[in-house]
Amino acid sequence: MPIKNEPGTMSAFERRRHENMAANKAILTDISVTAQKIVAKKPSAPKAKSTPKRTRELPKREAARPTRMSSRLAGKDADDDTLKRKLEVEAETEAEKARQKRLRNTGDLSFDTIVVDGKKYGNSMDGIRGIVRGADPGMRTFTEDDIQETTDKGLKDLRLRMSGLKLYEHWAPNDIKITPQRVYALGFHPIKDKPVIFAGDKEGAMGVFDASQTAPEVDDDDDTPDPVISAFKTHARTITSFVFSPVDANAVYSSSYDSSIRKMDLDKGVSVQVYAPADLDEDMPLSALDVAHAEPNVLYFSTLDGSVGRYDVRAPGSEEIWNLSEQKIGGFSLHPLQPHLVATASLDRTLKVWDLRNISGKGDLRHPALVGEHESRLSVSHASWSPKGHVATSSYDDTIKIYDFTDSSSWKAGHAISAKAMEPAHRIPHNNQTGRWVTILKPQWQRMPSDGIQKFVIANMNRFVDVFAADGSQLAQLGGEGITAVPAVAHFHPTMDWVAGGNGSGKLCLWQ
């Protein structure tokens, strides 16, 4: 006979749930208070007037159809009613599965309900690491000798400083499980007071880790409590990017393969959908997201069907979508200081640069002006702009390419540049063969380096994170004890020399 709780008492499960809710709220409130030091609260701006725009008419796609089985192959007569009904049920089931796969979280989500607690979620995948082609775990490709043999004093000092970043000491990387499944997206909140890292995994869960927390001293290492991590189910499918509002320190945008963009409000503790195709059955997986400081309310996104779009969050229905490639665009970015310039990286093996100041054409043929393109031997995974106008790409031809577009401020609207100008200034050999179990390696620039030096990070298949300068010089190879998987998703803090990397087991590395 079940045990009944006395009136007014709370079960152990309910008590634990309420404790989780309180802990989540405390973490988000603390981040929100700290974030407000960066950007002062401003009065709400009036909604922009929606003006008619020529927008792409998204094609309607038919629901996936199951493979049919003939009555003859089934060994039944064509008029067998039982078989006919069976095939109808199978067709309905497959159609429903396809529809469910496209579903996304359309309503507002409260962060009162925690999805996971500490590190006690997900299954470790560490046992299958190191089996991808070409990886040699622990083998350095940049060593102390490379630093000591540097003859340029300025470069040597920079290498010493960047190589001096230390792995976070309060918990080992394997103890910081920031997401239940493989990390696909990572981002630093721009606050300088403390490192606050956001991560998204392949099933739509978001994790938030405040690295200012320290592990309490205990007599027995086995009794050390896990780090406090807030995790929430915000999307229905893979989270692909995080973007932090330039004007609202409490706003965090995320994009997903579930075709939606959501806004997380740290102050209110809610997540709201700000963009998705009007048709719930429209499947438009978003591969990346970006925002310009000059236009903080306009979001730009890329899709797996080869499109780039923009959307003003103040004007519902304002999206414009341009077909720029016949194959998927895996990554793109806006020039931080000249956001009318967009660089796209595609499965069609090209880096392309587009100018949003000159958009022409009608319907599906409407698109920005193509400034130039460069083709690699194999697909290009990502294209990332530096503040001074360099573009770094990673490609499956096992290279990182750096393009010098520092004169882009003089480019005329819609004017194409020469093929010579589109040639990479530097080619860096780099193993990018991630295989099936490691998230694709993508270079990420430091957006506003406090020292003014243009530098970016990218993961190394030997379980490190590499740091490079705009001239192709390697500055550091970050590693440390306890790293048992490739920190494939690597990011720089926008201003501070803090580097984070997330791996296929949902675990986090942090260097400071």
Protein backbone atom coordinates (compact mmCIF):
# COMPACT_ATOMS: atom_id res chain seq x y z
CA MET A 1 0.00 0.00 0.00
CA PRO A 2 1.53 3.39 -1.01
CA ILE A 3 2.72 5.62 1.78
CA LYS A 4 0.69 8.79 2.12
CA ASN A 5 2.32 12.03 3.13
CA GLU A 6 0.80 13.78 6.07
CA PRO A 7 -1.05 17.01 5.18
CA GLY A 8 1.36 19.92 4.95
CA THR A 9 4.44 17.71 4.46
CA MET A 10 6.56 17.53 1.28
CA SER A 11 7.96 14.38 -0.30
CA ALA A 12 11.75 14.00 -0.78
CA PHE A 13 11.27 14.32 -4.54
CA GLU A 14 9.26 17.53 -4.23
CA ARG A 15 11.77 18.96 -1.74
CA ARG A 16 14.65 18.21 -4.14
CA ARG A 17 12.77 19.75 -7.06
CA HIS A 18 12.18 22.95 -5.12
CA GLU A 19 15.84 23.07 -4.10
CA ASN A 20 16.82 22.81 -7.78
CA MET A 21 14.41 25.58 -8.71
CA ALA A 22 15.86 27.85 -6.03
CA ALA A 23 19.45 27.10 -7.07
CA ASN A 24 18.69 27.84 -10.74
CA LYS A 25 17.01 31.11 -9.90
CA ALA A 26 19.91 32.17 -7.68
CA ILE A 27 22.47 31.49 -10.42
CA LEU A 28 20.59 33.39 -13.11
CA THR A 29 19.91 36.28 -10.75
CA ASP A 30 23.60 36.50 -9.87
CA ILE A 31 24.63 36.51 -13.56
CA SER A 32 21.94 39.08 -14.32
CA VAL A 33 23.10 41.44 -11.56
CA THR A 34 26.71 41.17 -12.70
CA ALA A 35 25.74 41.61 -16.35
CA GLN A 36 23.93 44.85 -15.64
CA LYS A 37 27.27 46.41 -14.77
CA ILE A 38 28.17 46.21 -18.46
CA VAL A 39 25.07 47.77 -20.02
CA ALA A 40 22.78 50.09 -18.10
CA LYS A 41 19.08 49.45 -18.42
CA LYS A 42 17.44 51.66 -21.03
CA PRO A 43 13.79 52.61 -21.50
CA SER A 44 12.00 50.41 -23.97
CA ALA A 45 12.36 51.69 -27.50
CA PRO A 46 9.21 52.09 -29.57
CA LYS A 47 8.54 49.26 -31.95
CA ALA A 48 9.86 49.87 -35.42
CA LYS A 49 7.22 50.41 -38.07
CA SER A 50 6.99 47.41 -40.27
CA THR A 51 7.59 48.38 -43.89
CA PRO A 52 6.68 46.17 -46.83
CA LYS A 53 9.63 44.14 -48.01
CA ARG A 54 10.12 41.72 -50.77
CA THR A 55 10.63 38.47 -48.97
CA ARG A 56 11.41 35.03 -50.17
CA GLU A 57 8.32 32.89 -50.47
CA LEU A 58 9.35 29.70 -48.70
CA PRO A 59 8.40 26.60 -50.67
CA LYS A 60 6.01 24.20 -49.04
CA ARG A 61 7.56 20.81 -48.49
CA GLU A 62 5.66 17.56 -48.51
CA ALA A 63 5.76 15.35 -45.46
CA ALA A 64 8.21 12.47 -45.68
CA ARG A 65 6.64 9.37 -47.18
CA PRO A 66 7.50 5.84 -46.07
CA THR A 67 8.77 3.28 -48.53
CA ARG A 68 5.81 1.34 -49.89
CA MET A 69 5.65 -2.45 -49.89
CA SER A 70 3.83 -4.18 -52.70
CA SER A 71 1.21 -6.84 -51.93
CA ARG A 72 3.08 -9.30 -54.16
CA LEU A 73 6.30 -8.94 -52.14
CA ALA A 74 4.28 -9.21 -48.94
CA GLY A 75 2.86 -12.53 -50.16
CA LYS A 76 -0.72 -11.28 -50.02
CA ASP A 77 -3.47 -10.71 -52.50
CA ALA A 78 -3.96 -7.15 -53.68
CA ASP A 79 -7.43 -6.98 -52.17
CA ASP A 80 -6.35 -8.20 -48.73
CA ASP A 81 -8.03 -5.65 -46.43
CA THR A 82 -5.80 -6.53 -43.49
CA LEU A 83 -2.64 -5.77 -45.45
CA LYS A 84 -4.07 -2.53 -46.80
CA ARG A 85 -4.93 -1.35 -43.32
CA LYS A 86 -1.49 -2.35 -42.06
CA LEU A 87 0.20 -0.28 -44.77
CA GLU A 88 -2.05 2.69 -44.00
CA VAL A 89 -1.14 2.54 -40.30
CA GLU A 90 2.58 2.31 -41.15
CA ALA A 91 2.28 5.33 -43.44
CA GLU A 92 0.52 7.33 -40.74
CA THR A 93 3.15 6.34 -38.17
CA GLU A 94 6.07 7.36 -40.41
CA ALA A 95 4.41 10.67 -41.25
CA GLU A 96 3.87 11.39 -37.56
CA LYS A 97 7.53 10.56 -36.80
CA ALA A 98 8.65 13.01 -39.50
CA ARG A 99 6.33 15.69 -38.11
CA GLN A 100 7.56 15.15 -34.53
CA LYS A 101 11.16 15.48 -35.70
CA ARG A 102 10.40 18.97 -37.01
CA LEU A 103 8.65 20.14 -33.86
CA ARG A 104 10.19 22.98 -31.90
CA ASN A 105 9.44 24.64 -28.57
CA THR A 106 7.11 27.43 -29.66
CA GLY A 107 5.97 28.76 -26.28
CA ASP A 108 7.78 30.66 -23.55
CA LEU A 109 9.88 28.44 -21.29
CA SER A 110 10.33 29.10 -17.60
CA PHE A 111 13.70 28.26 -16.09
CA ASP A 112 12.10 27.05 -12.86
CA THR A 113 12.33 23.44 -14.02
CA ILE A 114 15.87 22.06 -14.13
CA VAL A 115 16.57 19.38 -16.67
CA VAL A 116 19.77 18.01 -15.16
CA ASP A 117 21.55 18.35 -11.86
CA GLY A 118 25.30 18.88 -11.58
CA LYS A 119 27.21 16.36 -13.66
CA LYS A 120 24.80 13.47 -13.13
CA TYR A 121 23.43 13.28 -16.67
CA GLY A 122 24.38 11.86 -20.03
CA ASN A 123 26.68 8.97 -20.84
CA SER A 124 30.43 9.47 -21.14
CA MET A 125 31.86 8.99 -24.62
CA ASP A 126 35.48 9.25 -23.50
CA GLY A 127 36.07 5.58 -24.25
CA ILE A 128 35.77 6.08 -28.01
CA ARG A 129 38.04 9.11 -28.26
CA GLY A 130 41.30 9.04 -30.19
CA ILE A 131 40.07 6.67 -32.90
CA VAL A 132 39.43 9.30 -35.58
CA ARG A 133 41.78 9.42 -38.53
CA GLY A 134 45.08 11.18 -37.96
CA ALA A 135 44.60 12.02 -34.28
CA ASP A 136 47.54 11.46 -31.91
CA PRO A 137 46.21 12.32 -28.43
CA GLY A 138 48.70 14.20 -26.30
CA MET A 139 51.21 14.79 -29.13
CA ARG A 140 52.07 18.49 -29.25
CA THR A 141 52.52 20.24 -32.58
CA PHE A 142 53.70 23.45 -30.86
CA THR A 143 56.17 23.13 -27.99
CA GLU A 144 58.21 25.09 -25.47
CA ASP A 145 61.15 24.89 -27.88
CA ASP A 146 59.13 26.79 -30.50
CA ILE A 147 58.63 29.59 -27.99
CA GLN A 148 62.23 29.72 -26.79
CA GLU A 149 63.60 29.72 -30.36
CA THR A 150 61.47 32.74 -31.34
CA THR A 151 63.79 35.57 -32.35
CA ASP A 152 61.18 38.35 -32.60
CA LYS A 153 60.89 39.79 -29.07
CA GLY A 154 57.31 40.99 -29.47
CA LEU A 155 56.15 37.62 -30.81
CA LYS A 156 58.06 35.75 -28.10
CA ASP A 157 56.48 37.86 -25.35
CA LEU A 158 53.04 37.23 -26.83
CA ARG A 159 53.69 33.50 -27.07
CA LEU A 160 54.87 33.40 -23.47
CA ARG A 161 51.76 35.25 -22.31
CA MET A 162 49.26 33.15 -24.25
CA SER A 163 51.03 29.87 -23.41
CA GLY A 164 50.92 30.92 -19.77
CA LEU A 165 47.15 30.48 -19.60
CA LYS A 166 46.38 27.82 -17.01
CA LEU A 167 43.69 25.18 -16.93
CA TYR A 168 40.90 25.94 -14.47
CA GLU A 169 42.04 24.52 -11.15
CA HIS A 170 38.93 24.14 -8.99
CA TRP A 171 37.52 21.14 -10.88
CA ALA A 172 39.06 18.79 -13.43
CA PRO A 173 37.62 19.01 -16.98
CA ASN A 174 35.90 15.64 -16.57
CA ASP A 175 34.03 17.02 -13.55
CA ILE A 176 32.59 20.03 -15.40
CA LYS A 177 29.78 18.41 -17.39
CA ILE A 178 28.09 21.47 -18.81
CA THR A 179 25.61 19.68 -21.14
CA PRO A 180 24.05 16.19 -21.17
CA GLN A 181 25.20 15.40 -24.73
CA ARG A 182 27.89 16.52 -27.20
CA VAL A 183 28.66 20.25 -27.14
CA TYR A 184 27.82 21.90 -30.47
CA ALA A 185 27.82 25.58 -29.49
CA LEU A 186 29.69 27.65 -26.92
CA GLY A 187 29.80 31.28 -25.88
CA PHE A 188 31.28 33.57 -23.23
CA HIS A 189 29.06 36.22 -21.69
CA PRO A 190 30.89 39.54 -22.34
CA ILE A 191 31.09 40.49 -18.64
CA LYS A 192 34.67 40.92 -17.40
CA ASP A 193 34.03 40.29 -13.69
CA LYS A 194 34.03 36.52 -14.07
CA PRO A 195 33.91 33.83 -16.76
CA VAL A 196 30.33 32.78 -17.47
CA ILE A 197 30.09 30.15 -20.20
CA PHE A 198 27.01 29.05 -22.14
CA ALA A 199 26.95 25.73 -23.99
CA GLY A 200 24.41 24.02 -26.23
CA ASP A 201 24.29 20.33 -27.09
CA LYS A 202 23.05 18.17 -29.94
CA GLU A 203 19.63 17.57 -28.36
CA GLY A 204 18.76 21.20 -27.57
CA ALA A 205 19.88 21.43 -23.93
CA MET A 206 21.61 24.59 -22.71
CA GLY A 207 24.14 24.62 -19.88
CA VAL A 208 25.42 27.66 -17.95
CA PHE A 209 28.59 27.54 -15.85
CA ASP A 210 29.81 30.35 -13.60
CA ALA A 211 33.57 29.75 -13.32
CA SER A 212 33.96 32.13 -10.38
CA GLN A 213 32.71 29.36 -8.05
CA THR A 214 35.34 27.41 -6.17
CA ALA A 215 35.36 23.88 -4.84
CA PRO A 216 35.08 23.74 -1.02
CA GLU A 217 37.95 22.13 0.86
CA VAL A 218 37.18 18.59 1.99
CA ASP A 219 39.29 15.89 3.62
CA ASP A 220 38.48 13.22 1.05
CA ASP A 221 38.69 13.96 -2.70
CA ASP A 222 35.84 11.55 -3.31
CA ASP A 223 33.55 13.81 -1.29
CA THR A 224 34.24 16.96 -3.34
CA PRO A 225 30.84 18.24 -4.51
CA ASP A 226 30.18 18.72 -8.19
CA PRO A 227 30.26 22.24 -9.67
CA VAL A 228 26.89 23.98 -9.85
CA ILE A 229 25.68 24.01 -13.44
CA SER A 230 22.30 25.23 -14.62
CA ALA A 231 20.92 23.28 -17.57
CA PHE A 232 17.67 23.85 -19.43
CA LYS A 233 15.85 22.28 -22.36
CA THR A 234 15.36 25.33 -24.55
CA HIS A 235 15.35 23.83 -28.07
CA ALA A 236 13.99 20.63 -29.56
CA ARG A 237 17.10 19.91 -31.64
CA THR A 238 20.81 20.83 -31.82
CA ILE A 239 21.78 24.31 -30.58
CA THR A 240 24.18 25.81 -33.14
CA SER A 241 25.10 29.32 -31.93
CA PHE A 242 24.95 31.80 -29.07
CA VAL A 243 24.85 35.57 -29.57
CA PHE A 244 24.89 38.14 -26.78
CA SER A 245 22.95 41.37 -27.24
CA PRO A 246 25.21 44.44 -27.65
CA VAL A 247 22.76 46.61 -25.70
CA ASP A 248 21.03 44.30 -23.22
CA ALA A 249 23.40 42.37 -20.94
CA ASN A 250 20.52 40.10 -19.86
CA ALA A 251 19.69 38.91 -23.39
CA VAL A 252 21.20 35.74 -24.85
CA TYR A 253 20.07 34.56 -28.31
CA SER A 254 20.43 30.96 -29.52
CA SER A 255 19.79 29.28 -32.88
CA SER A 256 18.95 25.65 -33.54
CA TYR A 257 18.34 22.93 -36.07
CA ASP A 258 14.70 23.09 -34.90
CA SER A 259 14.41 26.16 -37.18
CA SER A 260 14.00 28.65 -34.34
CA ILE A 261 15.84 31.50 -32.62
CA ARG A 262 15.14 31.96 -28.92
CA LYS A 263 15.98 34.75 -26.48
CA MET A 264 16.98 33.89 -22.93
CA ASP A 265 16.29 36.67 -20.41
CA LEU A 266 18.64 36.30 -17.44
CA ASP A 267 16.74 38.85 -15.40
CA LYS A 268 13.24 37.40 -15.85
CA GLY A 269 14.36 33.78 -16.01
CA VAL A 270 12.46 32.91 -19.19
CA SER A 271 13.21 31.83 -22.74
CA VAL A 272 11.01 33.15 -25.55
CA GLN A 273 10.92 32.29 -29.22
CA VAL A 274 11.75 35.36 -31.31
CA TYR A 275 11.85 33.77 -34.75
CA ALA A 276 10.72 30.63 -36.57
CA PRO A 277 9.10 29.93 -39.94
CA ALA A 278 5.39 30.72 -39.88
CA ASP A 279 4.55 27.20 -41.00
CA LEU A 280 5.16 24.79 -38.10
CA ASP A 281 5.87 22.03 -40.64
CA GLU A 282 8.53 24.09 -42.43
CA ASP A 283 11.92 22.51 -41.69
CA MET A 284 14.67 25.15 -41.97
CA PRO A 285 17.59 24.12 -39.72
CA LEU A 286 19.65 27.14 -38.66
CA SER A 287 23.41 26.57 -38.75
CA ALA A 288 24.71 29.87 -37.32
CA LEU A 289 23.64 33.22 -35.88
CA ASP A 290 25.17 36.70 -35.69
CA VAL A 291 24.26 40.28 -34.76
CA ALA A 292 25.82 43.66 -35.56
CA HIS A 293 26.60 46.14 -32.79
CA ALA A 294 25.23 48.92 -35.00
CA GLU A 295 21.89 47.09 -35.40
CA PRO A 296 21.32 45.23 -32.12
CA ASN A 297 17.72 44.32 -32.97
CA VAL A 298 18.52 42.72 -36.33
CA LEU A 299 19.54 39.07 -36.28
CA TYR A 300 21.32 37.32 -39.15
CA PHE A 301 21.25 33.56 -39.62
CA SER A 302 22.39 30.86 -42.03
CA THR A 303 20.64 27.61 -42.92
CA LEU A 304 21.55 24.08 -43.90
CA ASP A 305 19.77 24.54 -47.24
CA GLY A 306 22.26 27.22 -48.36
CA SER A 307 20.48 30.42 -47.36
CA VAL A 308 21.26 33.49 -45.28
CA GLY A 309 18.52 35.57 -43.72
CA ARG A 310 17.96 38.58 -41.51
CA TYR A 311 15.15 39.37 -39.13
CA ASP A 312 14.24 42.45 -37.10
CA VAL A 313 12.93 41.24 -33.74
CA ARG A 314 10.80 44.40 -33.44
CA ALA A 315 8.89 43.72 -36.65
CA PRO A 316 7.24 40.29 -36.93
CA GLY A 317 7.19 39.06 -40.50
CA SER A 318 10.19 41.19 -41.48
CA GLU A 319 12.48 38.33 -42.42
CA GLU A 320 14.36 38.37 -45.71
CA ILE A 321 15.96 35.14 -46.87
CA TRP A 322 18.46 34.86 -49.71
CA ASN A 323 19.45 31.65 -51.49
CA LEU A 324 23.25 31.93 -51.68
CA SER A 325 24.35 28.32 -52.21
CA GLU A 326 22.97 25.09 -53.60
CA GLN A 327 24.54 23.28 -50.66
CA LYS A 328 24.54 23.88 -46.92
CA ILE A 329 26.15 26.91 -45.34
CA GLY A 330 27.81 25.52 -42.22
CA GLY A 331 29.03 28.84 -40.89
CA PHE A 332 29.02 32.56 -41.61
CA SER A 333 29.82 35.85 -39.89
CA LEU A 334 29.41 39.60 -40.21
CA HIS A 335 32.40 41.95 -40.33
CA PRO A 336 32.36 43.36 -36.74
CA LEU A 337 32.99 46.95 -37.90
CA GLN A 338 31.41 46.80 -41.36
CA PRO A 339 28.38 44.54 -40.91
CA HIS A 340 27.24 45.02 -44.50
CA LEU A 341 29.98 42.50 -45.38
CA VAL A 342 29.04 38.85 -44.86
CA ALA A 343 31.38 35.87 -45.25
CA THR A 344 29.85 32.42 -45.85
CA ALA A 345 31.45 28.96 -45.73
CA SER A 346 29.76 26.18 -47.63
CA LEU A 347 29.74 22.50 -48.39
CA ASP A 348 30.24 23.58 -52.02
CA ARG A 349 33.93 24.17 -51.05
CA THR A 350 33.78 27.95 -51.22
CA LEU A 351 34.34 31.00 -49.08
CA LYS A 352 32.18 33.82 -50.42
CA VAL A 353 31.98 37.46 -49.39
CA TRP A 354 28.70 39.35 -49.92
CA ASP A 355 27.75 43.04 -49.74
CA LEU A 356 24.37 43.79 -48.16
CA ARG A 357 24.45 47.39 -49.40
CA ASN A 358 23.52 46.16 -52.85
CA ILE A 359 20.67 43.63 -52.93
CA SER A 360 19.01 42.95 -56.28
CA GLY A 361 16.78 40.48 -58.07
CA LYS A 362 13.29 39.17 -57.41
CA GLY A 363 11.86 36.19 -55.60
CA ASP A 364 14.26 33.30 -55.14
CA LEU A 365 16.82 35.11 -57.32
CA ARG A 366 17.04 38.08 -54.96
CA HIS A 367 20.41 38.22 -53.17
CA PRO A 368 23.19 40.56 -52.02
CA ALA A 369 26.04 41.43 -54.37
CA LEU A 370 28.82 38.84 -54.51
CA VAL A 371 32.12 40.59 -53.77
CA GLY A 372 34.33 37.57 -54.38
CA GLU A 373 34.85 33.87 -53.76
CA HIS A 374 37.65 31.40 -53.18
CA GLU A 375 37.40 27.67 -53.69
CA SER A 376 39.13 25.07 -51.51
CA ARG A 377 39.83 21.46 -52.40
CA LEU A 378 37.20 20.22 -49.93
CA SER A 379 34.27 21.71 -48.02
CA VAL A 380 34.74 24.85 -45.93
CA SER A 381 33.35 24.57 -42.40
CA HIS A 382 33.29 28.15 -41.13
CA ALA A 383 34.23 31.72 -42.05
CA SER A 384 35.01 34.09 -39.18
CA TRP A 385 35.73 37.84 -39.46
CA SER A 386 38.28 39.56 -37.22
CA PRO A 387 37.63 43.17 -36.08
CA LYS A 388 40.33 44.46 -38.45
CA GLY A 389 39.03 42.62 -41.48
CA HIS A 390 40.76 39.23 -41.65
CA VAL A 391 38.71 36.14 -42.42
CA ALA A 392 39.78 32.77 -41.01
CA THR A 393 38.33 29.55 -42.43
CA SER A 394 38.68 25.87 -41.58
CA SER A 395 38.37 23.27 -44.30
CA TYR A 396 38.36 19.51 -44.68
CA ASP A 397 41.43 19.88 -46.90
CA ASP A 398 43.27 20.06 -43.54
CA THR A 399 44.10 23.74 -43.68
CA ILE A 400 43.24 26.93 -41.88
CA LYS A 401 43.25 29.81 -44.34
CA ILE A 402 43.57 33.47 -43.38
CA TYR A 403 42.38 36.09 -45.89
CA ASP A 404 43.51 39.71 -45.62
CA PHE A 405 40.59 42.04 -46.29
CA THR A 406 41.88 44.87 -44.09
CA ASP A 407 41.25 47.31 -46.96
CA SER A 408 37.55 46.39 -47.08
CA SER A 409 36.53 49.81 -45.71
CA SER A 410 37.43 51.22 -49.14
CA TRP A 411 35.36 48.72 -51.12
CA LYS A 412 32.57 50.34 -53.11
CA ALA A 413 29.04 49.04 -52.66
CA GLY A 414 28.45 45.95 -54.75
CA HIS A 415 31.88 46.18 -56.41
CA ALA A 416 33.60 42.82 -57.02
CA ILE A 417 37.24 42.41 -56.11
CA SER A 418 39.84 40.50 -58.11
CA ALA A 419 40.54 36.78 -57.84
CA LYS A 420 44.04 37.67 -56.65
CA ALA A 421 42.61 39.69 -53.76
CA MET A 422 40.54 36.64 -52.77
CA GLU A 423 43.60 34.41 -52.42
CA PRO A 424 44.45 33.52 -48.80
CA ALA A 425 47.37 35.45 -47.30
CA HIS A 426 48.31 32.49 -45.08
CA ARG A 427 47.70 28.73 -45.19
CA ILE A 428 48.23 26.79 -41.98
CA PRO A 429 48.37 22.96 -42.05
CA HIS A 430 45.85 21.73 -39.49
CA ASN A 431 44.14 18.37 -38.98
CA ASN A 432 40.40 19.03 -39.37
CA GLN A 433 39.28 15.39 -39.81
CA THR A 434 36.77 15.30 -36.98
CA GLY A 435 34.94 12.18 -38.10
CA ARG A 436 31.58 11.17 -36.69
CA TRP A 437 32.05 11.68 -32.96
CA VAL A 438 33.74 15.09 -32.78
CA THR A 439 31.99 18.40 -33.52
CA ILE A 440 33.35 20.23 -36.59
CA LEU A 441 36.37 22.45 -35.85
CA LYS A 442 35.74 26.16 -36.43
CA PRO A 443 38.06 29.16 -35.92
CA GLN A 444 36.70 31.88 -33.62
CA TRP A 445 38.33 35.32 -33.33
CA GLN A 446 38.55 37.34 -30.14
CA ARG A 447 35.97 40.02 -30.95
CA MET A 448 37.37 42.97 -28.96
CA PRO A 449 40.90 42.08 -27.78
CA SER A 450 42.01 44.34 -24.94
CA ASP A 451 45.60 44.23 -26.23
CA GLY A 452 44.53 45.10 -29.78
CA ILE A 453 46.17 41.95 -31.20
CA GLN A 454 44.04 39.98 -33.66
CA LYS A 455 44.00 36.32 -32.60
CA PHE A 456 41.72 33.32 -32.86
CA VAL A 457 41.30 29.85 -31.35
CA ILE A 458 40.54 26.50 -32.92
CA ALA A 459 40.58 23.03 -31.41
CA ASN A 460 43.38 20.57 -32.12
CA MET A 461 42.53 16.90 -32.76
CA ASN A 462 45.34 15.88 -30.38
CA ARG A 463 43.20 17.24 -27.49
CA PHE A 464 44.48 20.80 -27.34
CA VAL A 465 43.23 24.24 -28.33
CA ASP A 466 45.47 26.18 -30.72
CA VAL A 467 45.84 29.96 -30.66
CA PHE A 468 46.91 31.79 -33.84
CA ALA A 469 47.60 35.41 -34.80
CA ALA A 470 46.31 37.12 -37.95
CA ASP A 471 49.70 36.63 -39.67
CA GLY A 472 49.45 32.87 -39.25
CA SER A 473 51.88 32.67 -36.31
CA GLN A 474 50.95 30.13 -33.67
CA LEU A 475 50.82 31.76 -30.25
CA ALA A 476 49.98 28.83 -27.98
CA GLN A 477 48.76 25.27 -27.70
CA LEU A 478 46.60 25.01 -24.61
CA GLY A 479 46.33 21.70 -22.78
CA GLY A 480 46.62 20.25 -19.30
CA GLU A 481 46.06 17.24 -17.10
CA GLY A 482 42.72 15.48 -17.24
CA ILE A 483 41.72 16.39 -20.82
CA THR A 484 40.49 13.06 -22.18
CA ALA A 485 38.66 14.22 -25.32
CA VAL A 486 39.01 16.82 -28.07
CA PRO A 487 37.71 20.24 -26.85
CA ALA A 488 36.27 20.63 -30.34
CA VAL A 489 34.12 23.71 -29.79
CA ALA A 490 36.56 26.44 -28.75
CA HIS A 491 35.88 30.13 -28.04
CA PHE A 492 37.71 33.23 -26.87
CA HIS A 493 36.16 35.64 -24.39
CA PRO A 494 35.45 38.86 -26.37
CA THR A 495 37.98 40.96 -24.41
CA MET A 496 39.73 38.88 -21.73
CA ASP A 497 42.38 36.23 -22.38
CA TRP A 498 40.04 33.41 -21.36
CA VAL A 499 39.56 30.38 -23.60
CA ALA A 500 36.92 27.64 -23.29
CA GLY A 501 36.46 24.35 -25.11
CA GLY A 502 33.57 21.88 -25.06
CA ASN A 503 33.83 18.20 -26.03
CA GLY A 504 31.75 15.28 -27.23
CA SER A 505 30.92 14.17 -23.70
CA GLY A 506 29.40 17.54 -22.80
CA LYS A 507 32.41 18.49 -20.66
CA LEU A 508 34.18 21.81 -20.42
CA CYS A 509 37.81 22.97 -20.40
CA LEU A 510 38.67 26.53 -19.35
CA TRP A 511 41.99 28.36 -19.48
CA GLN A 512 42.66 31.66 -17.71
